[in-house]
Each structure stands twice: as structure tokens, then as C-alpha cells.
């Protein structure tokens, strides 16, 4: 929700992988325990019941699967979905601000998505991403890089 209003992206692949790892851990580890705790606290009879036992077994099975999947997802997950294909323009005032054509190809079986964006570096690891309409683009103040 925040990035809908502030369109920042990171330039560091390890930061993206770190965010993905934290998200996967929160979804995979904290989620099942939260469900189990919710059911355990709601139950009026504090003695062991079959529902609590089954839920505990499912939670342990889920965690066993995660012990295998989480490390593999860290190494095989594509951390940089948007890749710059061409730099179209550079700002004459600040050459680090550029307009680029980027592609996004998540899987081999999906079609490639294209976008043209203005990339403005912010604090080294972050960049502000703004879409550019090439039909209405005014090239004054920009130096053409690629045809």
C-alpha cells in the first residue's frame, strides 16, 4: 500500500532477497502457530482434544516442509524481476537520473512485460520509479543515449 503512493524500488538484490525471506518466514512459521494458538485459546475444554492434536500435527508437518522450502527459495527465487534493457535518456543536469526501458519476465512460460520509467537514485540502495509516457515526453533537458 505504501509503495503505491511512493514508488520506490531497491537496487540491491540481497535486500530484496532479505525482504522475501522475512516474508516467507512470517507467512510460513508465524502463520501456522497463530492459527494453532487461536484454536487453543478458544477451546473451552482445556483437556487434550482430537482437534488440537490434529492441528498440532498439521503445524509440525507444515514446519517440516518449510525447513526444506525456505532455504531453496532463498537461492532459486528471482530477486530482480525488472531488468533494464536500454537506457533511452540521461538527464543533462544529473546523469544518474535516466529514462530506461525495462522488461519483466517471471517465468519462462509467461510473456514478457515492458515498461518505460524514469529512475531517480535515492540514498544509494533505493530508486524512485516513475512511469514515462513516450508519446508525450519532452526531450528538453535530456540527452539521448539509445535510439
C-alpha atoms as a PDB file:
ATOM      1  CA  UNK A   1       0.000   0.000   0.000  1.00  0.00           C
ATOM      2  CA  UNK A   2       2.817   2.390   0.848  1.00  0.00           C
ATOM      3  CA  UNK A   3       4.647   1.781  -2.440  1.00  0.00           C
ATOM      4  CA  UNK A   4       1.517   2.626  -4.418  1.00  0.00           C
ATOM      5  CA  UNK A   5       1.991   6.239  -3.286  1.00  0.00           C
ATOM      6  CA  UNK A   6       5.791   6.197  -3.000  1.00  0.00           C
ATOM      7  CA  UNK A   7       7.027   4.076  -5.929  1.00  0.00           C
ATOM      8  CA  UNK A   8      10.456   3.083  -4.597  1.00  0.00           C
ATOM      9  CA  UNK A   9      12.419   0.042  -5.670  1.00  0.00           C
ATOM     10  CA  UNK A  10      15.694  -1.237  -4.355  1.00  0.00           C
ATOM     11  CA  UNK A  11      18.801  -1.651  -6.473  1.00  0.00           C
ATOM     12  CA  UNK A  12      20.303  -4.256  -4.118  1.00  0.00           C
ATOM     13  CA  UNK A  13      19.330  -7.852  -4.910  1.00  0.00           C
ATOM     14  CA  UNK A  14      20.359  -9.031  -1.435  1.00  0.00           C
ATOM     15  CA  UNK A  15      17.928  -6.564   0.152  1.00  0.00           C
ATOM     16  CA  UNK A  16      15.099  -7.943  -1.997  1.00  0.00           C
ATOM     17  CA  UNK A  17      16.053 -11.482  -1.057  1.00  0.00           C
ATOM     18  CA  UNK A  18      16.164 -10.498   2.611  1.00  0.00           C
ATOM     19  CA  UNK A  19      12.656  -8.996   2.386  1.00  0.00           C
ATOM     20  CA  UNK A  20      11.430 -12.139   0.631  1.00  0.00           C
ATOM     21  CA  UNK A  21      12.994 -14.368   3.288  1.00  0.00           C
ATOM     22  CA  UNK A  22      11.369 -12.392   6.119  1.00  0.00           C
ATOM     23  CA  UNK A  23       8.003 -12.505   4.310  1.00  0.00           C
ATOM     24  CA  UNK A  24       8.306 -16.263   3.766  1.00  0.00           C
ATOM     25  CA  UNK A  25       9.252 -16.866   7.386  1.00  0.00           C
ATOM     26  CA  UNK A  26       6.361 -14.748   8.662  1.00  0.00           C
ATOM     27  CA  UNK A  27       3.908 -16.483   6.351  1.00  0.00           C
ATOM     28  CA  UNK A  28       5.286 -19.960   6.859  1.00  0.00           C
ATOM     29  CA  UNK A  29       6.265 -20.062  10.512  1.00  0.00           C
ATOM     30  CA  UNK A  30       4.266 -17.450  12.374  1.00  0.00           C
ATOM     31  CA  UNK A  31       1.031 -18.110  10.462  1.00  0.00           C
ATOM     32  CA  UNK A  32       0.502 -21.760  11.489  1.00  0.00           C
ATOM     33  CA  UNK A  33       1.433 -21.035  15.104  1.00  0.00           C
ATOM     34  CA  UNK A  34      -1.017 -18.146  15.173  1.00  0.00           C
ATOM     35  CA  UNK A  35      -3.804 -20.427  13.936  1.00  0.00           C
ATOM     36  CA  UNK A  36      -2.866 -23.105  16.444  1.00  0.00           C
ATOM     37  CA  UNK A  37      -2.732 -20.583  19.286  1.00  0.00           C
ATOM     38  CA  UNK A  38      -6.085 -19.107  18.249  1.00  0.00           C
ATOM     39  CA  UNK A  39      -7.753 -22.529  18.330  1.00  0.00           C
ATOM     40  CA  UNK A  40      -6.028 -23.459  21.600  1.00  0.00           C
ATOM     41  CA  UNK A  41      -7.197 -20.290  23.361  1.00  0.00           C
ATOM     42  CA  UNK A  42     -10.755 -20.525  22.021  1.00  0.00           C
ATOM     43  CA  UNK A  43     -11.293 -24.052  23.199  1.00  0.00           C
ATOM     44  CA  UNK A  44     -13.322 -24.153  26.394  1.00  0.00           C
ATOM     45  CA  UNK A  45     -12.214 -27.631  27.429  1.00  0.00           C
ATOM     46  CA  UNK A  46      -8.538 -27.374  28.363  1.00  0.00           C
ATOM     47  CA  UNK A  47      -8.027 -31.122  28.105  1.00  0.00           C
ATOM     48  CA  UNK A  48      -6.418 -32.531  25.013  1.00  0.00           C
ATOM     49  CA  UNK A  49      -8.907 -32.867  22.206  1.00  0.00           C
ATOM     50  CA  UNK A  50      -8.582 -34.548  18.801  1.00  0.00           C
ATOM     51  CA  UNK A  51      -8.886 -31.173  17.031  1.00  0.00           C
ATOM     52  CA  UNK A  52      -5.901 -29.737  18.893  1.00  0.00           C
ATOM     53  CA  UNK A  53      -3.859 -32.861  18.221  1.00  0.00           C
ATOM     54  CA  UNK A  54      -4.649 -32.851  14.505  1.00  0.00           C
ATOM     55  CA  UNK A  55      -3.904 -29.130  14.274  1.00  0.00           C
ATOM     56  CA  UNK A  56      -0.578 -29.642  16.067  1.00  0.00           C
ATOM     57  CA  UNK A  57       0.386 -32.453  13.665  1.00  0.00           C
ATOM     58  CA  UNK A  58      -0.524 -30.307  10.657  1.00  0.00           C
ATOM     59  CA  UNK A  59       1.509 -27.415  12.057  1.00  0.00           C
ATOM     60  CA  UNK A  60       4.544 -29.637  12.593  1.00  0.00           C
ATOM     61  CA  UNK A  61       4.198 -31.085   9.066  1.00  0.00           C
ATOM     62  CA  UNK A  62       3.934 -27.548   7.671  1.00  0.00           C
ATOM     63  CA  UNK A  63       7.126 -26.524   9.526  1.00  0.00           C
ATOM     64  CA  UNK A  64       8.966 -29.603   8.263  1.00  0.00           C
ATOM     65  CA  UNK A  65       8.096 -28.684   4.682  1.00  0.00           C
ATOM     66  CA  UNK A  66       9.242 -25.108   5.330  1.00  0.00           C
ATOM     67  CA  UNK A  67      12.624 -26.288   6.583  1.00  0.00           C
ATOM     68  CA  UNK A  68      13.158 -27.657   3.089  1.00  0.00           C
ATOM     69  CA  UNK A  69      11.405 -24.986   1.004  1.00  0.00           C
ATOM     70  CA  UNK A  70      12.692 -21.779   2.662  1.00  0.00           C
ATOM     71  CA  UNK A  71      16.412 -22.373   2.072  1.00  0.00           C
ATOM     72  CA  UNK A  72      15.729 -23.440  -1.511  1.00  0.00           C
ATOM     73  CA  UNK A  73      13.553 -20.401  -2.187  1.00  0.00           C
ATOM     74  CA  UNK A  74      16.339 -18.118  -0.988  1.00  0.00           C
ATOM     75  CA  UNK A  75      18.734 -19.462  -3.629  1.00  0.00           C
ATOM     76  CA  UNK A  76      16.356 -20.071  -6.533  1.00  0.00           C
ATOM     77  CA  UNK A  77      13.982 -17.114  -6.237  1.00  0.00           C
ATOM     78  CA  UNK A  78      14.379 -14.411  -8.866  1.00  0.00           C
ATOM     79  CA  UNK A  79      15.186 -11.319  -6.819  1.00  0.00           C
ATOM     80  CA  UNK A  80      15.310  -8.781  -9.638  1.00  0.00           C
ATOM     81  CA  UNK A  81      12.214  -9.084 -11.798  1.00  0.00           C
ATOM     82  CA  UNK A  82      12.650  -5.756 -13.641  1.00  0.00           C
ATOM     83  CA  UNK A  83      15.764  -5.671 -15.796  1.00  0.00           C
ATOM     84  CA  UNK A  84      16.979  -2.674 -17.751  1.00  0.00           C
ATOM     85  CA  UNK A  85      17.238  -3.434 -21.474  1.00  0.00           C
ATOM     86  CA  UNK A  86      18.077   0.040 -22.764  1.00  0.00           C
ATOM     87  CA  UNK A  87      18.838   3.433 -21.317  1.00  0.00           C
ATOM     88  CA  UNK A  88      16.929   5.836 -23.544  1.00  0.00           C
ATOM     89  CA  UNK A  89      17.791   9.229 -21.988  1.00  0.00           C
ATOM     90  CA  UNK A  90      20.038  10.693 -19.295  1.00  0.00           C
ATOM     91  CA  UNK A  91      19.363  13.961 -17.544  1.00  0.00           C
ATOM     92  CA  UNK A  92      21.725  16.728 -18.598  1.00  0.00           C
ATOM     93  CA  UNK A  93      21.763  18.153 -15.059  1.00  0.00           C
ATOM     94  CA  UNK A  94      22.220  14.844 -13.211  1.00  0.00           C
ATOM     95  CA  UNK A  95      23.388  11.890 -15.381  1.00  0.00           C
ATOM     96  CA  UNK A  96      22.377   9.367 -12.700  1.00  0.00           C
ATOM     97  CA  UNK A  97      18.715  10.203 -13.438  1.00  0.00           C
ATOM     98  CA  UNK A  98      17.757   8.216 -16.502  1.00  0.00           C
ATOM     99  CA  UNK A  99      14.821   7.014 -18.533  1.00  0.00           C
ATOM    100  CA  UNK A 100      15.044   3.315 -19.269  1.00  0.00           C
ATOM    101  CA  UNK A 101      13.152   0.555 -20.989  1.00  0.00           C
ATOM    102  CA  UNK A 102      12.763  -2.418 -18.661  1.00  0.00           C
ATOM    103  CA  UNK A 103      11.422  -5.932 -19.018  1.00  0.00           C
ATOM    104  CA  UNK A 104       9.822  -8.261 -16.505  1.00  0.00           C
ATOM    105  CA  UNK A 105       9.855 -11.988 -17.142  1.00  0.00           C
ATOM    106  CA  UNK A 106       8.979 -14.005 -14.053  1.00  0.00           C
ATOM    107  CA  UNK A 107       8.819 -17.465 -15.621  1.00  0.00           C
ATOM    108  CA  UNK A 108       9.842 -18.899 -18.953  1.00  0.00           C
ATOM    109  CA  UNK A 109       6.226 -19.758 -19.753  1.00  0.00           C
ATOM    110  CA  UNK A 110       4.844 -16.237 -19.173  1.00  0.00           C
ATOM    111  CA  UNK A 111       5.022 -13.424 -21.677  1.00  0.00           C
ATOM    112  CA  UNK A 112       7.482 -10.598 -21.153  1.00  0.00           C
ATOM    113  CA  UNK A 113       6.136  -7.307 -19.773  1.00  0.00           C
ATOM    114  CA  UNK A 114       7.697  -3.994 -20.798  1.00  0.00           C
ATOM    115  CA  UNK A 115       7.747  -0.588 -19.149  1.00  0.00           C
ATOM    116  CA  UNK A 116       9.438   2.768 -19.720  1.00  0.00           C
ATOM    117  CA  UNK A 117      10.299   4.519 -16.466  1.00  0.00           C
ATOM    118  CA  UNK A 118      12.266   7.416 -15.061  1.00  0.00           C
ATOM    119  CA  UNK A 119      14.732   6.146 -12.434  1.00  0.00           C
ATOM    120  CA  UNK A 120      15.972   8.619  -9.820  1.00  0.00           C
ATOM    121  CA  UNK A 121      18.547   7.274  -7.310  1.00  0.00           C
ATOM    122  CA  UNK A 122      17.709   7.847  -3.626  1.00  0.00           C
ATOM    123  CA  UNK A 123      20.176   7.014  -0.821  1.00  0.00           C
ATOM    124  CA  UNK A 124      22.229   4.520  -2.847  1.00  0.00           C
ATOM    125  CA  UNK A 125      20.149   1.362  -2.328  1.00  0.00           C
ATOM    126  CA  UNK A 126      16.819   2.832  -3.426  1.00  0.00           C
ATOM    127  CA  UNK A 127      15.476   4.474  -6.554  1.00  0.00           C
ATOM    128  CA  UNK A 128      12.302   6.384  -7.272  1.00  0.00           C
ATOM    129  CA  UNK A 129      10.411   4.847 -10.199  1.00  0.00           C
ATOM    130  CA  UNK A 130       8.024   6.994 -12.234  1.00  0.00           C
ATOM    131  CA  UNK A 131       6.276   5.808 -15.420  1.00  0.00           C
ATOM    132  CA  UNK A 132       7.006   7.802 -18.581  1.00  0.00           C
ATOM    133  CA  UNK A 133       4.582   8.265 -21.445  1.00  0.00           C
ATOM    134  CA  UNK A 134       6.848   8.218 -24.502  1.00  0.00           C
ATOM    135  CA  UNK A 135       4.174   9.802 -26.723  1.00  0.00           C
ATOM    136  CA  UNK A 136       4.058  12.935 -24.537  1.00  0.00           C
ATOM    137  CA  UNK A 137       7.703  13.007 -23.461  1.00  0.00           C
ATOM    138  CA  UNK A 138       9.528  16.333 -23.863  1.00  0.00           C
ATOM    139  CA  UNK A 139      13.236  15.659 -24.581  1.00  0.00           C
ATOM    140  CA  UNK A 140      14.379  19.153 -23.471  1.00  0.00           C
ATOM    141  CA  UNK A 141      16.959  18.764 -20.719  1.00  0.00           C
ATOM    142  CA  UNK A 142      17.635  15.128 -21.629  1.00  0.00           C
ATOM    143  CA  UNK A 143      20.494  13.589 -23.606  1.00  0.00           C
ATOM    144  CA  UNK A 144      19.528  10.713 -25.919  1.00  0.00           C
ATOM    145  CA  UNK A 145      21.534   7.546 -25.257  1.00  0.00           C
ATOM    146  CA  UNK A 146      19.906   4.738 -27.285  1.00  0.00           C
ATOM    147  CA  UNK A 147      17.818   5.029 -30.435  1.00  0.00           C
END
